[in-house]
Amino acid sequence: MILLFLFLTLIILISYPIIGFKIYKSIRNKDKRKLYRLSTILLILILIPGFFWRILPGSDLVWRPIEKVQEKGYNTELTGFEFNFGDSIYEYESKRDFTGDGYSIWIYEIDDKTAQYFKNPNEEFFIDYPKSEFRKDWETEFWKKTPYDKEEQKFLDFANSTLDELEFELEDLLNEKGNYYAYEYYMHDFGEDKVYVGNIDFYIICPNRKLIVKINHNT
């Protein structure tokens, strides 16, 4: 979707000098009707990228409610429970190359209602979520209770990151009782029994700490 809008933005930017030249000709020819029409088109083409890239004043008033609805839908697909993220506690995003390879981690607060639900989630939480449609051709490990299984260490190692400026590490959360974790992953197969974790989405929910962790690592 981002690439599509980048392409459309490029097309719009290329159209600016073309329309500008036509406006100049309409001024020289004193064609007011054409001048008004072209000026309106140019104004619209200036506003569209500003609105999409959220540099136009007031554009956030439209985008924020849309993002909140999308966020609820995402979290419902992730856990089976509808909620929005609270304030950001921690965030790190590396640079991504053209194929999307890189590392990102987000830690958000969750509100009291959400935390209370996850202290005793329904049974579907453990057998249906995260929804496998999130990642085609990836394997899914549904939500489990902590402490985490040491046989899954390679997945934690691939998803792990040092949490600067926080009083806990990811492994602390996974060893702490009362939390939950899930992940979706893709294995890179290089043949001759050389199979490695190549991509992962890793999630942790901590009801007592009232936080949720989201990690993405692609290679």
Protein backbone atom coordinates (compact mmCIF):
# COMPACT_ATOMS: atom_id res chain seq x y z
CA MET A 1 0.00 0.00 0.00
CA ILE A 2 2.83 2.40 0.89
CA LEU A 3 4.53 1.70 -2.44
CA LEU A 4 1.27 2.46 -4.26
CA PHE A 5 0.94 5.83 -2.53
CA LEU A 6 4.61 6.60 -3.19
CA PHE A 7 4.01 5.92 -6.87
CA LEU A 8 0.86 8.07 -6.92
CA THR A 9 2.68 10.86 -5.08
CA LEU A 10 5.46 10.73 -7.69
CA ILE A 11 2.89 10.99 -10.49
CA ILE A 12 1.28 13.98 -8.77
CA LEU A 13 4.64 15.71 -8.32
CA ILE A 14 5.44 15.20 -12.00
CA SER A 15 2.09 16.75 -12.92
CA TYR A 16 2.84 20.02 -11.07
CA PRO A 17 5.07 21.62 -13.74
CA ILE A 18 2.74 20.43 -16.50
CA ILE A 19 -0.31 22.04 -14.91
CA GLY A 20 1.78 25.08 -13.96
CA PHE A 21 2.75 25.59 -17.60
CA LYS A 22 -0.88 25.27 -18.69
CA ILE A 23 -1.88 27.84 -16.06
CA TYR A 24 0.79 30.18 -17.41
CA LYS A 25 -0.60 29.75 -20.96
CA SER A 26 -4.17 30.34 -19.79
CA ILE A 27 -3.03 33.58 -18.11
CA ARG A 28 -1.33 34.72 -21.31
CA ASN A 29 -4.40 33.83 -23.35
CA LYS A 30 -6.66 35.48 -20.74
CA ASP A 31 -8.73 32.30 -20.54
CA LYS A 32 -10.25 32.77 -17.07
CA ARG A 33 -12.45 29.68 -17.19
CA LYS A 34 -9.50 27.42 -17.96
CA LEU A 35 -7.39 29.26 -15.39
CA TYR A 36 -9.91 28.63 -12.61
CA ARG A 37 -10.29 24.99 -13.58
CA LEU A 38 -6.55 24.34 -13.69
CA SER A 39 -5.99 26.24 -10.44
CA THR A 40 -8.59 24.10 -8.71
CA ILE A 41 -6.97 20.93 -10.01
CA LEU A 42 -3.54 22.12 -8.89
CA LEU A 43 -4.85 22.96 -5.41
CA ILE A 44 -6.40 19.50 -5.06
CA LEU A 45 -3.17 17.83 -6.21
CA ILE A 46 -1.24 19.83 -3.62
CA LEU A 47 -3.64 18.90 -0.82
CA ILE A 48 -3.82 15.15 -1.54
CA PRO A 49 -0.15 14.29 -0.71
CA GLY A 50 -0.23 16.68 2.26
CA PHE A 51 -3.28 14.87 3.61
CA PHE A 52 -1.88 11.37 3.03
CA TRP A 53 1.57 12.12 4.47
CA ARG A 54 -0.08 14.00 7.37
CA ILE A 55 1.75 17.26 6.80
CA LEU A 56 -1.46 19.11 6.01
CA PRO A 57 -2.78 20.90 9.13
CA GLY A 58 -5.79 19.06 10.51
CA SER A 59 -5.12 15.79 8.64
CA ASP A 60 -4.54 13.97 11.95
CA LEU A 61 -8.14 14.68 12.91
CA VAL A 62 -9.16 12.28 10.14
CA TRP A 63 -6.33 9.77 10.38
CA ARG A 64 -6.35 9.18 14.14
CA PRO A 65 -9.91 7.77 14.35
CA ILE A 66 -9.17 5.58 11.30
CA GLU A 67 -5.98 4.28 12.92
CA LYS A 68 -7.82 3.54 16.17
CA VAL A 69 -10.41 1.44 14.34
CA GLN A 70 -7.68 -0.42 12.42
CA GLU A 71 -5.77 -0.96 15.66
CA LYS A 72 -8.80 -2.53 17.32
CA GLY A 73 -9.28 -4.82 14.34
CA TYR A 74 -5.61 -5.82 14.45
CA ASN A 75 -5.73 -6.60 18.17
CA THR A 76 -8.92 -8.61 17.76
CA GLU A 77 -7.22 -10.75 15.11
CA LEU A 78 -4.20 -11.04 17.37
CA THR A 79 -5.96 -12.01 20.61
CA GLY A 80 -9.71 -12.38 20.07
CA PHE A 81 -10.31 -9.38 22.34
CA GLU A 82 -11.02 -5.88 21.06
CA PHE A 83 -8.81 -3.17 22.56
CA ASN A 84 -6.57 -0.24 21.72
CA PHE A 85 -2.98 0.22 22.76
CA GLY A 86 -2.25 2.71 25.50
CA ASP A 87 0.80 4.93 25.78
CA SER A 88 4.07 3.79 24.27
CA ILE A 89 6.54 2.51 26.87
CA TYR A 90 9.39 1.57 24.56
CA GLU A 91 10.00 1.62 20.81
CA TYR A 92 12.87 0.72 18.54
CA GLU A 93 12.78 0.41 14.75
CA SER A 94 15.86 -0.31 12.68
CA LYS A 95 16.19 0.84 9.12
CA ARG A 96 14.45 -1.48 6.69
CA ASP A 97 15.89 -2.47 3.35
CA PHE A 98 13.82 -2.79 0.17
CA THR A 99 12.68 -6.34 1.04
CA GLY A 100 11.58 -5.27 4.53
CA ASP A 101 14.45 -6.90 6.43
CA GLY A 102 15.10 -5.32 9.81
CA TYR A 103 14.07 -5.34 13.46
CA SER A 104 11.30 -3.54 15.33
CA ILE A 105 9.97 -3.74 18.88
CA TRP A 106 7.07 -1.86 20.44
CA ILE A 107 5.90 -2.01 24.06
CA TYR A 108 2.57 -0.40 24.94
CA GLU A 109 0.50 0.02 28.05
CA ILE A 110 -2.92 -1.67 28.19
CA ASP A 111 -5.84 -0.33 30.20
CA ASP A 112 -7.38 -1.89 33.31
CA LYS A 113 -10.25 -3.53 31.41
CA THR A 114 -7.88 -5.19 28.95
CA ALA A 115 -5.48 -6.28 31.68
CA GLN A 116 -8.35 -7.78 33.68
CA TYR A 117 -9.57 -9.76 30.67
CA PHE A 118 -6.15 -11.28 30.04
CA LYS A 119 -5.86 -12.44 33.61
CA ASN A 120 -8.42 -15.07 32.64
CA PRO A 121 -8.91 -15.10 28.83
CA ASN A 122 -11.40 -17.44 27.19
CA GLU A 123 -10.32 -20.81 25.81
CA GLU A 124 -10.31 -19.63 22.18
CA PHE A 125 -7.39 -17.36 23.05
CA PHE A 126 -5.17 -20.43 23.38
CA ILE A 127 -6.38 -22.38 20.33
CA ASP A 128 -7.32 -19.81 17.67
CA TYR A 129 -5.03 -16.79 18.09
CA PRO A 130 -3.06 -15.17 16.59
CA LYS A 131 -5.01 -15.71 13.40
CA SER A 132 -2.83 -17.51 10.87
CA GLU A 133 -4.04 -15.19 8.10
CA PHE A 134 -1.60 -12.61 9.47
CA ARG A 135 1.30 -14.28 7.65
CA LYS A 136 0.83 -16.59 4.71
CA ASP A 137 3.23 -19.56 4.62
CA TRP A 138 4.35 -18.85 8.21
CA GLU A 139 3.92 -21.26 11.12
CA THR A 140 1.87 -20.15 14.12
CA GLU A 141 2.36 -20.87 17.80
CA PHE A 142 -0.85 -19.90 19.56
CA TRP A 143 -0.91 -18.10 22.90
CA LYS A 144 0.68 -19.99 25.79
CA LYS A 145 1.16 -19.31 29.46
CA THR A 146 4.55 -18.40 30.82
CA PRO A 147 7.15 -19.54 31.84
CA TYR A 148 8.16 -20.23 28.26
CA ASP A 149 9.33 -23.61 27.03
CA LYS A 150 13.14 -23.74 26.92
CA GLU A 151 12.88 -25.82 23.74
CA GLU A 152 11.65 -22.63 22.07
CA GLN A 153 14.84 -20.76 22.96
CA LYS A 154 15.91 -20.34 19.32
CA PHE A 155 12.74 -18.33 18.62
CA LEU A 156 13.30 -16.10 21.64
CA ASP A 157 16.94 -15.62 20.67
CA PHE A 158 15.92 -14.52 17.20
CA ALA A 159 13.26 -12.14 18.57
CA ASN A 160 15.29 -10.90 21.54
CA SER A 161 16.60 -7.39 22.06
CA THR A 162 18.21 -5.54 24.96
CA LEU A 163 15.68 -3.12 26.41
CA ASP A 164 17.69 -0.03 27.19
CA GLU A 165 16.37 2.18 29.97
CA LEU A 166 13.84 -0.42 31.20
CA GLU A 167 14.02 -2.36 34.44
CA PHE A 168 13.26 -5.69 32.76
CA GLU A 169 14.30 -7.75 29.75
CA LEU A 170 12.13 -9.86 27.44
CA GLU A 171 13.36 -13.05 29.04
CA ASP A 172 12.22 -11.73 32.43
CA LEU A 173 8.70 -11.35 31.07
CA LEU A 174 8.77 -14.85 29.61
CA ASN A 175 9.93 -16.40 32.88
CA GLU A 176 7.38 -14.46 34.94
CA LYS A 177 4.19 -16.37 35.78
CA GLY A 178 0.87 -14.89 34.71
CA ASN A 179 2.00 -13.70 31.28
CA TYR A 180 1.35 -15.05 27.79
CA TYR A 181 3.37 -15.32 24.60
CA ALA A 182 2.73 -16.27 21.00
CA TYR A 183 4.63 -16.05 17.75
CA GLU A 184 4.46 -16.61 14.02
CA TYR A 185 7.61 -17.56 12.18
CA TYR A 186 9.14 -18.56 8.87
CA MET A 187 12.11 -20.91 8.54
CA HIS A 188 14.85 -20.42 5.96
CA ASP A 189 15.86 -23.78 4.50
CA PHE A 190 19.35 -23.82 3.01
CA GLY A 191 19.42 -27.59 2.49
CA GLU A 192 21.67 -30.21 4.08
CA ASP A 193 19.79 -29.88 7.38
CA LYS A 194 20.60 -26.16 7.53
CA VAL A 195 17.27 -24.70 8.63
CA TYR A 196 17.18 -21.42 10.53
CA VAL A 197 14.58 -18.99 11.82
CA GLY A 198 14.38 -16.28 9.16
CA ASN A 199 11.34 -14.17 10.08
CA ILE A 200 9.30 -13.84 13.24
CA ASP A 201 6.45 -11.89 14.81
CA PHE A 202 6.68 -12.34 18.56
CA TYR A 203 4.13 -11.16 21.14
CA ILE A 204 4.00 -11.00 24.94
CA ILE A 205 1.08 -9.90 27.12
CA CYS A 206 1.65 -9.05 30.79
CA PRO A 207 -1.67 -8.43 32.59
CA ASN A 208 -0.08 -7.61 35.95
CA ARG A 209 2.38 -5.16 34.44
CA LYS A 210 -0.39 -3.89 32.10
CA LEU A 211 1.70 -4.04 28.96
CA ILE A 212 1.92 -5.76 25.59
CA VAL A 213 5.04 -6.40 23.53
CA LYS A 214 5.16 -6.64 19.73
CA ILE A 215 8.31 -7.70 17.87
CA ASN A 216 9.05 -8.15 14.19
CA HIS A 217 12.37 -9.44 12.90
CA ASN A 218 12.88 -10.21 9.21
CA THR A 219 16.06 -11.38 7.51
